[in-house]
Protein backbone atom coordinates (compact mmCIF):
# COMPACT_ATOMS: atom_id res chain seq x y z
CA MET A 1 11.80 44.73 9.19
CA ASN A 2 13.67 41.89 10.67
CA PHE A 3 14.88 38.72 9.05
CA ARG A 4 12.48 36.64 10.92
CA LYS A 5 9.26 39.04 10.13
CA LEU A 6 10.37 39.14 6.46
CA VAL A 7 10.43 35.45 6.31
CA PHE A 8 7.06 34.98 8.18
CA LEU A 9 5.16 37.51 5.70
CA MET A 10 6.54 35.80 2.59
CA VAL A 11 5.36 32.14 3.53
CA VAL A 12 1.78 33.91 4.77
CA LEU A 13 1.62 35.28 1.48
CA LEU A 14 2.43 31.70 -0.21
CA VAL A 15 -0.11 30.15 2.19
CA GLN A 16 -2.94 32.49 1.09
CA VAL A 17 -2.37 31.78 -2.60
CA LEU A 18 -2.30 28.07 -2.01
CA HIS A 19 -5.36 28.14 -0.48
CA ALA A 20 -6.83 30.00 -3.36
CA GLN A 21 -6.66 26.89 -5.50
CA SER A 22 -9.48 24.31 -5.41
CA GLU A 23 -9.12 20.76 -4.24
CA PRO A 24 -9.19 18.41 -7.11
CA MET A 25 -11.05 15.65 -7.15
CA LEU A 26 -8.43 12.64 -7.16
CA PRO A 27 -8.72 8.85 -7.76
CA GLU A 28 -8.46 6.62 -4.65
CA LEU A 29 -5.12 4.32 -4.77
CA SER A 30 -5.78 0.71 -5.04
CA VAL A 31 -6.46 -1.28 -1.38
CA LYS A 32 -3.49 -3.65 -2.22
CA GLY A 33 -1.27 -4.44 -4.71
CA ARG A 34 2.54 -6.49 -5.22
CA THR A 35 4.29 -3.51 -6.96
CA ILE A 36 3.78 0.19 -7.18
CA GLN A 37 2.51 -0.03 -10.69
CA GLU A 38 -0.22 -2.00 -9.18
CA VAL A 39 -1.25 0.74 -6.72
CA ILE A 40 -1.31 3.75 -9.01
CA PRO A 41 -3.49 5.19 -11.45
CA THR A 42 -3.18 4.33 -14.67
CA GLY A 43 -0.82 7.19 -16.80
CA TRP A 44 0.60 8.82 -13.46
CA GLN A 45 4.06 9.52 -12.67
CA VAL A 46 5.94 8.80 -9.59
CA LEU A 47 7.82 11.77 -8.42
CA SER A 48 9.58 10.28 -5.57
CA LYS A 49 9.58 6.30 -3.54
CA ALA A 50 10.97 4.69 -0.90
CA SER A 51 10.99 1.60 1.19
CA GLY A 52 11.70 0.50 4.33
CA ASP A 53 10.31 -0.50 7.41
CA LEU A 54 7.94 1.95 9.03
CA ASN A 55 5.83 0.08 11.45
CA GLY A 56 8.71 -2.33 12.89
CA ASP A 57 7.01 -5.66 12.02
CA GLY A 58 10.08 -6.54 9.74
CA HIS A 59 8.30 -6.45 6.26
CA GLU A 60 9.51 -3.99 3.65
CA ASP A 61 6.84 -0.77 3.55
CA LEU A 62 6.34 1.06 0.61
CA VAL A 63 6.33 5.08 0.57
CA PHE A 64 5.52 7.11 -2.89
CA ALA A 65 4.03 10.69 -4.02
CA ALA A 66 2.40 10.06 -7.48
CA GLN A 67 1.45 12.80 -9.67
CA SER A 68 -1.50 12.92 -12.32
CA PRO A 69 -0.85 13.30 -16.06
CA ILE A 70 -3.65 15.89 -16.35
CA LYS A 71 -2.76 19.26 -15.62
CA GLU A 72 -5.09 21.67 -13.80
CA VAL A 73 -5.18 25.65 -14.76
CA PHE A 74 -5.71 28.19 -12.39
CA GLU A 75 -5.89 31.84 -13.02
CA TYR A 76 -3.12 33.30 -10.63
CA ASN A 77 -3.56 37.04 -8.88
CA ASP A 78 -1.37 38.34 -7.07
CA GLY A 79 -3.05 41.92 -6.57
CA THR A 80 -0.20 43.12 -9.05
CA GLU A 81 -0.54 41.29 -12.18
CA ASN A 82 -2.29 38.33 -13.65
CA ASP A 83 -1.07 34.93 -14.95
CA THR A 84 -1.93 31.35 -15.95
CA LEU A 85 -0.32 28.44 -13.57
CA HIS A 86 -0.30 24.87 -14.95
CA VAL A 87 -0.52 22.04 -12.33
CA SER A 88 -0.80 18.50 -12.22
CA PRO A 89 -2.49 17.34 -8.94
CA ARG A 90 -0.53 14.84 -6.49
CA ILE A 91 -0.85 11.97 -4.09
CA LEU A 92 0.77 10.78 -1.10
CA GLY A 93 0.52 6.84 -0.67
CA ILE A 94 1.72 4.91 1.78
CA TYR A 95 1.65 0.69 2.33
CA PHE A 96 2.67 -1.61 4.65
CA GLY A 97 4.33 -4.86 3.67
CA LYS A 98 2.38 -8.28 4.01
CA ARG A 99 4.05 -11.71 5.20
CA ASN A 100 2.20 -12.62 1.64
CA GLY A 101 4.58 -10.32 -0.40
CA LYS A 102 1.64 -7.89 -1.40
CA PHE A 103 1.14 -4.39 0.35
CA LYS A 104 -1.78 -2.59 1.99
CA LYS A 105 -2.63 1.03 1.86
CA VAL A 106 -2.54 2.77 5.36
CA LEU A 107 -2.84 6.47 3.99
CA GLN A 108 -3.56 8.38 0.94
CA SER A 109 -2.94 11.81 1.26
CA ASN A 110 -4.30 14.09 -1.51
CA GLU A 111 -2.96 17.45 0.21
CA PHE A 112 0.56 17.03 1.56
CA ILE A 113 2.53 16.67 -1.55
CA ILE A 114 2.11 20.29 -2.80
CA ASN A 115 3.00 21.83 -5.96
CA ARG A 116 3.73 25.03 -7.43
CA ASN A 117 1.52 27.74 -6.78
CA THR A 118 2.72 31.13 -8.43
CA PRO A 119 3.95 30.72 -12.22
CA THR A 120 7.32 31.71 -11.02
CA MET A 121 7.99 29.44 -8.48
CA GLU A 122 10.56 27.02 -8.02
CA GLU A 123 9.58 22.92 -7.88
CA PRO A 124 8.57 22.72 -3.70
CA PHE A 125 8.42 19.14 -3.32
CA LYS A 126 12.13 17.55 -2.72
CA GLY A 127 11.40 14.38 -1.96
CA LEU A 128 10.68 11.53 0.50
CA GLN A 129 12.61 9.02 2.59
CA ILE A 130 12.39 6.30 4.84
CA LEU A 131 15.19 7.20 7.63
CA PRO A 132 17.46 4.14 9.31
CA ASN A 133 15.22 4.28 12.50
CA GLY A 134 12.08 3.55 10.28
CA GLU A 135 10.61 7.15 9.84
CA LEU A 136 9.62 8.91 7.26
CA GLN A 137 10.87 12.25 6.27
CA ILE A 138 9.73 14.64 3.18
CA ASP A 139 11.18 17.36 2.10
CA PHE A 140 10.13 20.68 0.16
CA TYR A 141 12.23 23.79 -0.87
CA ILE A 142 10.72 26.96 -1.04
CA TRP A 143 12.05 29.79 -3.80
CA PRO A 144 8.96 31.70 -5.16
CA CYS A 145 10.85 33.52 -8.19
CA ARG A 146 14.27 33.87 -9.32
CA GLU A 147 14.23 37.44 -8.41
CA CYS A 148 13.67 36.64 -4.90
CA THR A 149 16.44 36.98 -2.19
CA THR A 150 14.85 34.91 0.29
CA TRP A 151 14.71 30.69 0.08
CA SER A 152 14.07 27.93 2.64
CA SER A 153 14.19 24.19 3.34
CA HIS A 154 11.94 22.52 5.12
CA ALA A 155 11.81 18.61 6.62
CA TYR A 156 9.21 16.71 8.15
CA ILE A 157 9.61 13.82 9.86
CA PHE A 158 6.99 11.32 10.92
CA LYS A 159 7.00 8.50 12.99
CA PHE A 160 4.44 5.71 13.05
CA GLN A 161 2.78 5.62 16.36
CA ASN A 162 -0.37 5.34 17.73
CA SER A 163 -2.02 3.68 14.77
CA ALA A 164 -1.21 7.27 12.74
CA PHE A 165 1.67 8.87 11.18
CA GLU A 166 2.56 11.66 14.15
CA LEU A 167 4.55 14.78 13.23
CA VAL A 168 7.66 14.14 15.72
CA GLU A 169 10.51 16.84 14.22
CA TYR A 170 10.76 19.48 11.90
CA LYS A 171 13.54 21.64 10.60
CA GLU A 172 13.36 24.66 8.69
CA SER A 173 16.52 26.69 6.82
CA THR A 174 16.32 30.06 5.76
CA ILE A 175 18.90 32.13 3.87
CA ASN A 176 19.07 35.81 2.90
CA ARG A 177 21.59 35.59 -0.42
CA VAL A 178 21.62 39.40 -0.21
CA SER A 179 22.74 39.76 3.60
CA GLY A 180 24.15 36.25 4.08
CA ASP A 181 21.73 35.60 7.00
CA GLU A 182 20.68 32.60 8.04
CA MET A 183 18.03 31.02 10.43
CA ASP A 184 17.82 27.48 11.22
CA TYR A 185 15.03 26.20 13.24
CA SER A 186 14.77 22.59 14.59
CA ILE A 187 11.54 21.60 16.33
CA ASP A 188 11.55 18.15 18.66
CA PHE A 189 7.76 17.15 19.14
CA LEU A 190 8.82 14.48 21.69
CA ASN A 191 10.89 16.23 23.98
CA LYS A 192 9.15 19.57 23.41
CA THR A 193 11.88 22.07 22.41
CA LEU A 194 12.71 24.29 20.00
CA LYS A 195 16.30 24.75 18.75
CA THR A 196 16.85 28.27 16.62
CA VAL A 197 20.26 29.02 15.36
CA ILE A 198 21.16 32.77 13.78
CA GLU A 199 23.93 33.39 11.09
CA THR A 200 24.77 36.89 10.82
CA ARG A 201 27.27 38.83 8.91
CA ASN A 202 29.61 41.37 10.56
CA GLU A 203 31.32 44.18 9.06
CA ASP A 204 34.18 42.34 8.38
CA ASP A 205 31.97 39.78 6.70
CA MET A 206 32.44 37.17 9.26
CA PRO A 207 29.97 34.74 10.57
CA GLU A 208 28.22 35.51 13.54
CA TYR A 209 25.87 32.80 15.57
CA GLU A 210 23.04 33.20 18.18
CA GLU A 211 21.71 29.81 19.37
CA THR A 212 18.49 29.54 21.65
CA LEU A 213 16.99 26.45 23.06
CA GLN A 214 13.28 27.35 24.22
CA LYS A 215 10.51 24.35 25.95
CA PHE A 216 7.26 24.37 24.88
CA GLU A 217 3.88 22.83 25.74
CA LEU A 218 1.89 20.59 23.09
CA ASP A 219 -1.69 18.84 24.12
CA HIS A 220 -0.97 16.13 21.31
CA LEU A 221 0.81 15.73 18.24
CA ARG A 222 -0.18 16.31 14.56
CA THR A 223 -0.36 13.99 11.86
CA ILE A 224 0.01 13.68 8.21
CA GLN A 225 -3.78 13.43 8.03
CA SER A 226 -4.29 16.27 10.53
CA LEU A 227 -1.90 18.68 9.22
CA GLY A 228 -3.57 18.95 5.80
CA LYS A 229 -1.06 20.71 3.80
CA PRO A 230 2.40 22.19 4.57
CA PHE A 231 2.89 25.85 6.28
CA THR A 232 -0.63 26.12 7.03
CA TRP A 233 -0.08 25.23 10.84
CA GLU A 234 0.96 28.24 12.91
CA PHE A 235 3.08 27.45 15.60
CA GLN A 236 5.70 28.99 17.61
CA GLN A 237 5.61 31.95 14.91
CA LEU A 238 6.37 29.38 12.38
CA ARG A 239 4.57 27.91 9.39
CA ILE A 240 4.39 24.12 9.53
């Protein structure tokens, strides 16, 4: 089984388990407020936050991921063993700053900030940031278990345009710690290009690189809302 197929099957397994979890009923974030404390539900923990100008109006905007204090319990079954998974629901909130100093909600996602989906999985959410050009980057790291030999990092980059946060770039890096092989993907959805870089080790343990660049067709850009959860969109043999 080649490296790409192994990674693909691993991600598919994670997605299947993720879909098996029921969607919790989550509270609505406040429509407006002056501080992050005024808009998140009482008792919720802020996992990551960022400030910057997302829509180019010169006012500072606010993005955050927050986690409920209440843990949900799921029965986990991968076909070989049963276990119990304890996770806390999460919310992504995006607010635009106004001239009066208040923030106004423009987006709430109850799906995009994923949680662990197996009892042995490392924390998948690695934070968010507003880039200097006003784009929003959300990062994930997938390591299913400490015994697993493959892990991957993922960066979703969104731009506010056409009245939505559209996915304009996606980056993925997958590493096999046994062979040392590494596969990097960089997708530019605006220019419709997919760059792939494969690093392998030869018999002398020296790195060898193979780089490809391919064009693709895409009718419309995906958004935070239309993506739903990460890793559920099958695109160019990847799960995005």
